[in-house]
Amino acid sequence: MIATPSTREEKHFQMDLEEVTLHWTEVGEGLPVLLLHGLSDSHRTWREIWPRLPGRRVLVLDLPGHGMSSRPDAPYTLDWNATQVARFIERLDLQNLDCVGHSYGGGVAQWLLLKCRPRIRRLALLSSGGLGREVYAWLKLASVPFVIETFGQRWMAPIAALAMARATGSDARAEIALLTSYLRQPGSARAFSRTVRDVIRWRGQTRNLFDGIGEIDELPPMRLFWGARDSILPISQGAAIAGLLESCELIRFENGSHFVHWEEPEAVASALRGFLDSQNEPAVRLKPHAVPNRLPARQTDPVRRRLTFSPSGHTVR
């Protein structure tokens, strides 16, 4: 039986890392799993997922500058964000940690492999950044230096609400309203602007999984999860990466968009459990003769091993 919020109560915590104060919620016991949200989002994005991960110590973090975490005058680069999350992991002495990252949180999860690889057991990337170049056009505009940081605070909440409403087919008005209350906090525009500027330019995303792959002795088991109707980060990026890596499967949700974990929480949680709880998952490796240098802005679908979730929830090859 899947636990429900009434039987598993969230506890809220804060950690002062001097550079930033991080907020997270925690529930359950067992092997730890860390859930990382995307840009302009918060820990609440996982509200339908964590109750469906029984038998786990689930930690749901607000990234720096997001949610209920603080908004210091900081660089907010991918490396800086990953450093703060790695310090959080080390302070809690988390071992055999499974990391699940959505969108920008997927990019942070990838960067954690450079920071604390021995602590990470498996990596699940949901509509993840850092796997290709193409990205939603508005995010390219948001990368223009200093415009949003200087003038954008008053517009952060309404623009993010509009973008998230358009990026999902689910009715999440109450959650979007809560999210916009976080975005009204001073410093949100600065954090957003600097974060975007580090990973996106006018031609698209500038960070890639393969930027630091040579520095990692062994990659962990990895799986990709994607909504086929994603308008923020197209599923072709996940397909291209799965085509370059051995033992890296792409699970596709035909009716899902960028926030597929809002729209199909049971299917997403079931797929996550299948990966995180399976025995003897092989480590991911680069395929022989694969050339991972800068992926083109638009990819074809070269994936050779792809899984698809049908509407009934069954997996088909």
Protein backbone atom coordinates (compact mmCIF):
# COMPACT_ATOMS: atom_id res chain seq x y z
CA MET A 1 0.00 0.00 0.00
CA ILE A 2 1.30 3.46 -0.92
CA ALA A 3 1.61 5.82 2.03
CA THR A 4 -0.39 9.04 1.96
CA PRO A 5 0.40 12.47 3.38
CA SER A 6 -1.87 11.73 6.34
CA THR A 7 0.26 8.74 7.35
CA ARG A 8 3.66 10.27 6.61
CA GLU A 9 4.13 13.73 8.01
CA GLU A 10 6.65 16.14 6.51
CA LYS A 11 9.11 17.78 8.87
CA HIS A 12 10.68 21.13 7.98
CA PHE A 13 14.36 21.90 8.59
CA GLN A 14 16.88 24.66 7.92
CA MET A 15 20.67 24.49 7.60
CA ASP A 16 22.93 27.54 7.81
CA LEU A 17 25.87 27.07 5.45
CA GLU A 18 27.10 30.66 6.01
CA GLU A 19 26.86 31.44 2.29
CA VAL A 20 23.19 30.46 2.23
CA THR A 21 20.52 29.04 4.51
CA LEU A 22 18.85 26.00 2.96
CA HIS A 23 15.34 24.82 3.72
CA TRP A 24 14.19 21.26 3.20
CA THR A 25 11.42 18.90 4.20
CA GLU A 26 12.01 15.33 5.22
CA VAL A 27 9.87 12.24 5.69
CA GLY A 28 10.33 8.51 6.21
CA GLU A 29 13.22 6.20 6.94
CA GLY A 30 15.47 3.99 4.83
CA LEU A 31 17.89 4.64 2.01
CA PRO A 32 17.97 8.40 1.38
CA VAL A 33 16.62 9.97 -1.78
CA LEU A 34 17.12 13.67 -2.54
CA LEU A 35 14.57 15.46 -4.76
CA LEU A 36 15.78 18.61 -6.57
CA HIS A 37 13.37 21.02 -8.28
CA GLY A 38 13.84 23.25 -11.32
CA LEU A 39 14.14 27.00 -12.00
CA SER A 40 11.68 29.27 -10.16
CA ASP A 41 10.18 26.20 -8.50
CA SER A 42 10.30 24.88 -4.94
CA HIS A 43 10.15 21.76 -2.80
CA ARG A 44 6.38 21.77 -3.37
CA THR A 45 6.87 20.53 -6.93
CA TRP A 46 7.31 17.02 -5.47
CA ARG A 47 4.12 17.14 -3.39
CA GLU A 48 2.55 14.20 -5.27
CA ILE A 49 5.78 12.18 -5.55
CA TRP A 50 7.24 11.91 -2.04
CA PRO A 51 4.13 10.20 -0.56
CA ARG A 52 4.56 7.52 -3.23
CA LEU A 53 8.13 6.64 -2.23
CA PRO A 54 7.60 4.41 0.83
CA GLY A 55 10.45 2.80 2.70
CA ARG A 56 12.73 5.75 1.96
CA ARG A 57 14.16 8.71 3.80
CA VAL A 58 12.95 11.39 1.39
CA LEU A 59 14.65 14.80 1.50
CA VAL A 60 13.01 17.54 -0.54
CA LEU A 61 15.30 20.56 -0.86
CA ASP A 62 14.69 24.19 -1.80
CA LEU A 63 17.68 25.20 -3.92
CA PRO A 64 19.47 28.48 -3.03
CA GLY A 65 17.35 31.48 -4.00
CA HIS A 66 14.20 29.36 -4.23
CA GLY A 67 11.23 28.41 -2.10
CA MET A 68 11.91 28.87 1.61
CA SER A 69 15.71 28.96 1.27
CA SER A 70 17.54 32.29 1.59
CA ARG A 71 18.40 34.62 -1.30
CA PRO A 72 21.90 35.97 -0.65
CA ASP A 73 23.91 38.15 -3.03
CA ALA A 74 25.77 35.16 -4.48
CA PRO A 75 27.00 33.93 -7.90
CA TYR A 76 24.24 31.31 -8.41
CA THR A 77 26.34 29.52 -11.01
CA LEU A 78 25.72 25.82 -11.55
CA ASP A 79 28.99 25.08 -9.77
CA TRP A 80 28.08 27.30 -6.82
CA ASN A 81 24.62 25.79 -6.49
CA ALA A 82 26.00 22.24 -6.68
CA THR A 83 28.65 23.15 -4.10
CA GLN A 84 25.98 24.25 -1.63
CA VAL A 85 23.96 21.08 -2.20
CA ALA A 86 27.11 18.96 -1.80
CA ARG A 87 27.84 20.72 1.50
CA PHE A 88 24.27 19.95 2.57
CA ILE A 89 24.77 16.27 1.67
CA GLU A 90 28.08 16.11 3.51
CA ARG A 91 26.77 17.93 6.60
CA LEU A 92 24.00 15.32 6.90
CA ASP A 93 26.52 12.57 6.06
CA LEU A 94 24.18 11.05 3.48
CA GLN A 95 25.53 7.78 2.05
CA ASN A 96 24.16 5.59 -0.76
CA LEU A 97 22.13 8.58 -1.86
CA ASP A 98 19.74 8.47 -4.78
CA CYS A 99 19.37 11.87 -6.51
CA VAL A 100 16.27 12.80 -8.51
CA GLY A 101 16.50 16.08 -10.41
CA HIS A 102 13.85 17.88 -12.45
CA SER A 103 14.82 20.44 -15.12
CA TYR A 104 17.55 22.71 -13.64
CA GLY A 105 17.63 20.39 -10.63
CA GLY A 106 18.69 17.65 -13.03
CA GLY A 107 21.66 19.78 -14.03
CA VAL A 108 22.56 20.26 -10.37
CA ALA A 109 22.26 16.51 -9.81
CA GLN A 110 24.67 15.87 -12.68
CA TRP A 111 27.14 18.42 -11.28
CA LEU A 112 27.03 16.66 -7.92
CA LEU A 113 28.93 13.81 -9.55
CA LEU A 114 31.92 16.16 -9.64
CA LYS A 115 31.43 17.14 -5.99
CA CYS A 116 30.50 14.01 -4.05
CA ARG A 117 30.37 11.05 -6.43
CA PRO A 118 31.18 8.39 -3.74
CA ARG A 119 28.01 9.33 -1.87
CA ILE A 120 25.69 8.98 -4.88
CA ARG A 121 24.15 5.59 -5.57
CA ARG A 122 21.81 6.35 -8.51
CA LEU A 123 20.80 9.31 -10.63
CA ALA A 124 17.27 9.86 -11.97
CA LEU A 125 16.84 12.81 -14.34
CA LEU A 126 13.34 14.10 -15.07
CA SER A 127 13.05 16.45 -18.09
CA SER A 128 16.57 17.48 -17.19
CA GLY A 129 18.64 20.44 -18.22
CA GLY A 130 22.22 19.93 -19.34
CA LEU A 131 21.42 17.25 -21.92
CA GLY A 132 21.17 19.35 -25.07
CA ARG A 133 21.05 22.91 -26.38
CA GLU A 134 17.45 23.72 -27.23
CA VAL A 135 15.42 25.47 -24.52
CA TYR A 136 12.23 27.48 -24.17
CA ALA A 137 12.68 30.81 -26.00
CA TRP A 138 11.67 32.94 -23.00
CA LEU A 139 14.59 31.52 -21.01
CA LYS A 140 16.95 32.68 -23.75
CA LEU A 141 15.55 36.19 -23.36
CA ALA A 142 15.95 35.88 -19.59
CA SER A 143 19.68 35.35 -20.06
CA VAL A 144 20.21 38.95 -21.26
CA PRO A 145 22.65 40.37 -18.68
CA PHE A 146 21.23 42.36 -15.76
CA VAL A 147 17.80 43.12 -17.23
CA ILE A 148 15.80 40.78 -14.98
CA GLU A 149 18.18 41.22 -12.07
CA THR A 150 17.73 45.00 -12.18
CA PHE A 151 14.11 45.42 -13.24
CA GLY A 152 12.47 42.02 -12.98
CA GLN A 153 11.56 41.50 -9.32
CA ARG A 154 8.01 42.85 -9.67
CA TRP A 155 7.42 40.62 -12.70
CA MET A 156 8.89 37.38 -11.34
CA ALA A 157 5.67 36.00 -9.86
CA PRO A 158 3.23 36.72 -12.73
CA ILE A 159 5.64 35.62 -15.47
CA ALA A 160 6.55 32.39 -13.70
CA ALA A 161 2.89 31.65 -13.01
CA LEU A 162 2.03 32.12 -16.69
CA ALA A 163 4.97 30.01 -17.86
CA MET A 164 4.20 27.14 -15.49
CA ALA A 165 0.50 27.19 -16.29
CA ARG A 166 1.30 26.91 -20.00
CA ALA A 167 3.88 24.17 -19.45
CA THR A 168 1.51 21.73 -17.79
CA GLY A 169 -1.84 20.22 -18.60
CA SER A 170 -2.79 19.72 -14.94
CA ASP A 171 -4.87 22.04 -12.78
CA ALA A 172 -2.25 23.32 -10.34
CA ARG A 173 -3.62 26.80 -9.63
CA ALA A 174 -3.33 26.54 -5.84
CA GLU A 175 0.27 25.35 -6.05
CA ILE A 176 1.21 28.00 -8.59
CA ALA A 177 -0.30 30.63 -6.28
CA LEU A 178 1.87 29.35 -3.40
CA LEU A 179 4.91 29.33 -5.66
CA THR A 180 4.35 32.93 -6.72
CA SER A 181 4.30 33.94 -3.04
CA TYR A 182 7.85 32.57 -2.78
CA LEU A 183 8.89 34.43 -5.93
CA ARG A 184 7.73 37.76 -4.51
CA GLN A 185 10.46 37.59 -1.88
CA PRO A 186 13.27 40.13 -2.51
CA GLY A 187 16.28 38.59 -4.18
CA SER A 188 14.29 36.09 -6.26
CA ALA A 189 14.91 37.95 -9.53
CA ARG A 190 18.63 38.24 -8.78
CA ALA A 191 18.90 34.52 -8.05
CA PHE A 192 16.90 33.61 -11.15
CA SER A 193 18.81 35.95 -13.45
CA ARG A 194 22.25 34.81 -12.35
CA THR A 195 21.24 31.14 -12.46
CA VAL A 196 19.89 31.44 -16.00
CA ARG A 197 22.81 33.52 -17.23
CA ASP A 198 25.27 30.82 -16.20
CA VAL A 199 23.59 27.98 -18.10
CA ILE A 200 21.76 29.65 -21.02
CA ARG A 201 22.72 32.08 -23.77
CA TRP A 202 20.91 33.29 -26.88
CA ARG A 203 21.83 30.06 -28.72
CA GLY A 204 20.48 27.88 -25.92
CA GLN A 205 21.92 25.86 -23.07
CA THR A 206 25.65 26.15 -22.47
CA ARG A 207 26.15 23.31 -19.97
CA ASN A 208 26.24 19.66 -20.90
CA LEU A 209 26.49 16.33 -19.09
CA PHE A 210 29.70 15.62 -20.96
CA ASP A 211 31.50 18.78 -19.83
CA GLY A 212 33.02 16.97 -16.86
CA ILE A 213 32.36 13.34 -17.63
CA GLY A 214 36.08 12.62 -18.08
CA GLU A 215 36.72 13.63 -14.46
CA ILE A 216 34.43 10.91 -13.07
CA ASP A 217 35.99 7.48 -12.61
CA GLU A 218 32.68 5.65 -12.81
CA LEU A 219 29.22 6.98 -13.52
CA PRO A 220 26.36 5.68 -11.37
CA PRO A 221 23.32 3.88 -12.75
CA MET A 222 21.23 6.52 -14.49
CA ARG A 223 17.74 6.71 -15.96
CA LEU A 224 15.90 9.45 -17.86
CA PHE A 225 12.20 10.32 -17.50
CA TRP A 226 10.47 12.70 -19.92
CA GLY A 227 7.10 13.98 -21.02
CA ALA A 228 6.73 13.60 -24.79
CA ARG A 229 4.94 16.97 -25.00
CA ASP A 230 7.58 18.93 -23.12
CA SER A 231 7.74 22.47 -24.55
CA ILE A 232 10.53 23.68 -22.22
CA LEU A 233 13.16 21.00 -22.89
CA PRO A 234 12.26 18.69 -25.79
CA ILE A 235 12.35 14.94 -25.28
CA SER A 236 14.71 14.61 -28.25
CA GLN A 237 17.49 15.70 -25.89
CA GLY A 238 16.89 12.73 -23.60
CA ALA A 239 16.70 10.42 -26.60
CA ALA A 240 20.03 11.70 -27.91
CA ILE A 241 21.74 11.16 -24.56
CA ALA A 242 20.28 7.69 -24.16
CA GLY A 243 21.66 6.90 -27.60
CA LEU A 244 25.17 7.82 -26.47
CA LEU A 245 25.21 5.95 -23.16
CA GLU A 246 25.12 2.25 -22.44
CA SER A 247 22.58 1.10 -19.84
CA CYS A 248 20.83 4.47 -19.78
CA GLU A 249 17.14 4.08 -20.57
CA LEU A 250 14.65 6.77 -21.44
CA ILE A 251 11.17 6.37 -19.97
CA ARG A 252 8.69 8.34 -22.00
CA PHE A 253 5.29 9.59 -20.85
CA GLU A 254 3.29 10.12 -24.01
CA ASN A 255 0.75 12.57 -22.57
CA GLY A 256 3.12 14.39 -20.24
CA SER A 257 4.65 17.86 -20.53
CA HIS A 258 7.55 19.47 -18.66
CA PHE A 259 5.80 19.01 -15.31
CA VAL A 260 4.84 15.40 -15.90
CA HIS A 261 5.26 14.70 -12.17
CA TRP A 262 2.29 17.05 -11.59
CA GLU A 263 0.20 15.47 -14.35
CA GLU A 264 0.94 11.76 -13.94
CA PRO A 265 2.30 11.39 -10.39
CA GLU A 266 1.43 7.72 -9.97
CA ALA A 267 3.05 6.72 -13.27
CA VAL A 268 6.14 8.83 -12.57
CA ALA A 269 6.48 7.54 -9.00
CA SER A 270 6.01 3.96 -10.18
CA ALA A 271 8.75 4.41 -12.79
CA LEU A 272 11.04 6.00 -10.19
CA ARG A 273 10.45 3.17 -7.74
CA GLY A 274 11.15 0.64 -10.45
CA PHE A 275 14.55 2.20 -11.04
CA LEU A 276 15.53 3.10 -7.47
CA ASP A 277 14.42 -0.22 -5.95
CA SER A 278 15.69 -2.58 -8.65
CA GLN A 279 18.63 -4.82 -7.91
CA ASN A 280 22.02 -4.73 -9.61
CA GLU A 281 21.48 -1.75 -11.93
CA PRO A 282 24.55 -1.45 -14.19
CA ALA A 283 26.68 1.68 -14.17
CA VAL A 284 26.28 3.96 -17.16
CA ARG A 285 29.11 4.07 -19.71
CA LEU A 286 29.77 6.01 -22.86
CA LYS A 287 29.13 3.85 -25.90
CA PRO A 288 32.17 2.96 -28.00
CA HIS A 289 32.82 5.53 -30.73
CA ALA A 290 30.13 7.87 -29.36
CA VAL A 291 31.02 11.51 -29.90
CA PRO A 292 29.47 13.55 -27.05
CA ASN A 293 30.89 16.95 -27.98
CA ARG A 294 28.28 19.72 -28.12
CA LEU A 295 24.96 18.34 -29.21
CA PRO A 296 23.20 20.28 -31.99
CA ALA A 297 20.36 22.62 -31.21
CA ARG A 298 17.83 20.15 -32.60
CA GLN A 299 18.42 16.43 -32.37
CA THR A 300 16.91 13.55 -34.19
CA ASP A 301 15.93 10.53 -32.09
CA PRO A 302 18.89 8.10 -32.19
CA VAL A 303 17.94 6.20 -29.05
CA ARG A 304 18.33 2.44 -29.40
CA ARG A 305 16.87 1.45 -26.04
CA ARG A 306 13.79 3.43 -25.14
CA LEU A 307 10.93 2.60 -22.81
CA THR A 308 7.47 4.05 -23.24
CA PHE A 309 4.77 4.34 -20.59
CA SER A 310 1.42 3.59 -22.12
CA PRO A 311 -1.73 5.22 -20.69
CA SER A 312 -2.34 2.04 -18.69
CA GLY A 313 1.00 2.49 -16.96
CA HIS A 314 2.64 -0.56 -18.52
CA THR A 315 6.10 -0.38 -19.98
CA VAL A 316 6.66 -1.43 -23.57
CA ARG A 317 9.87 -1.66 -25.60
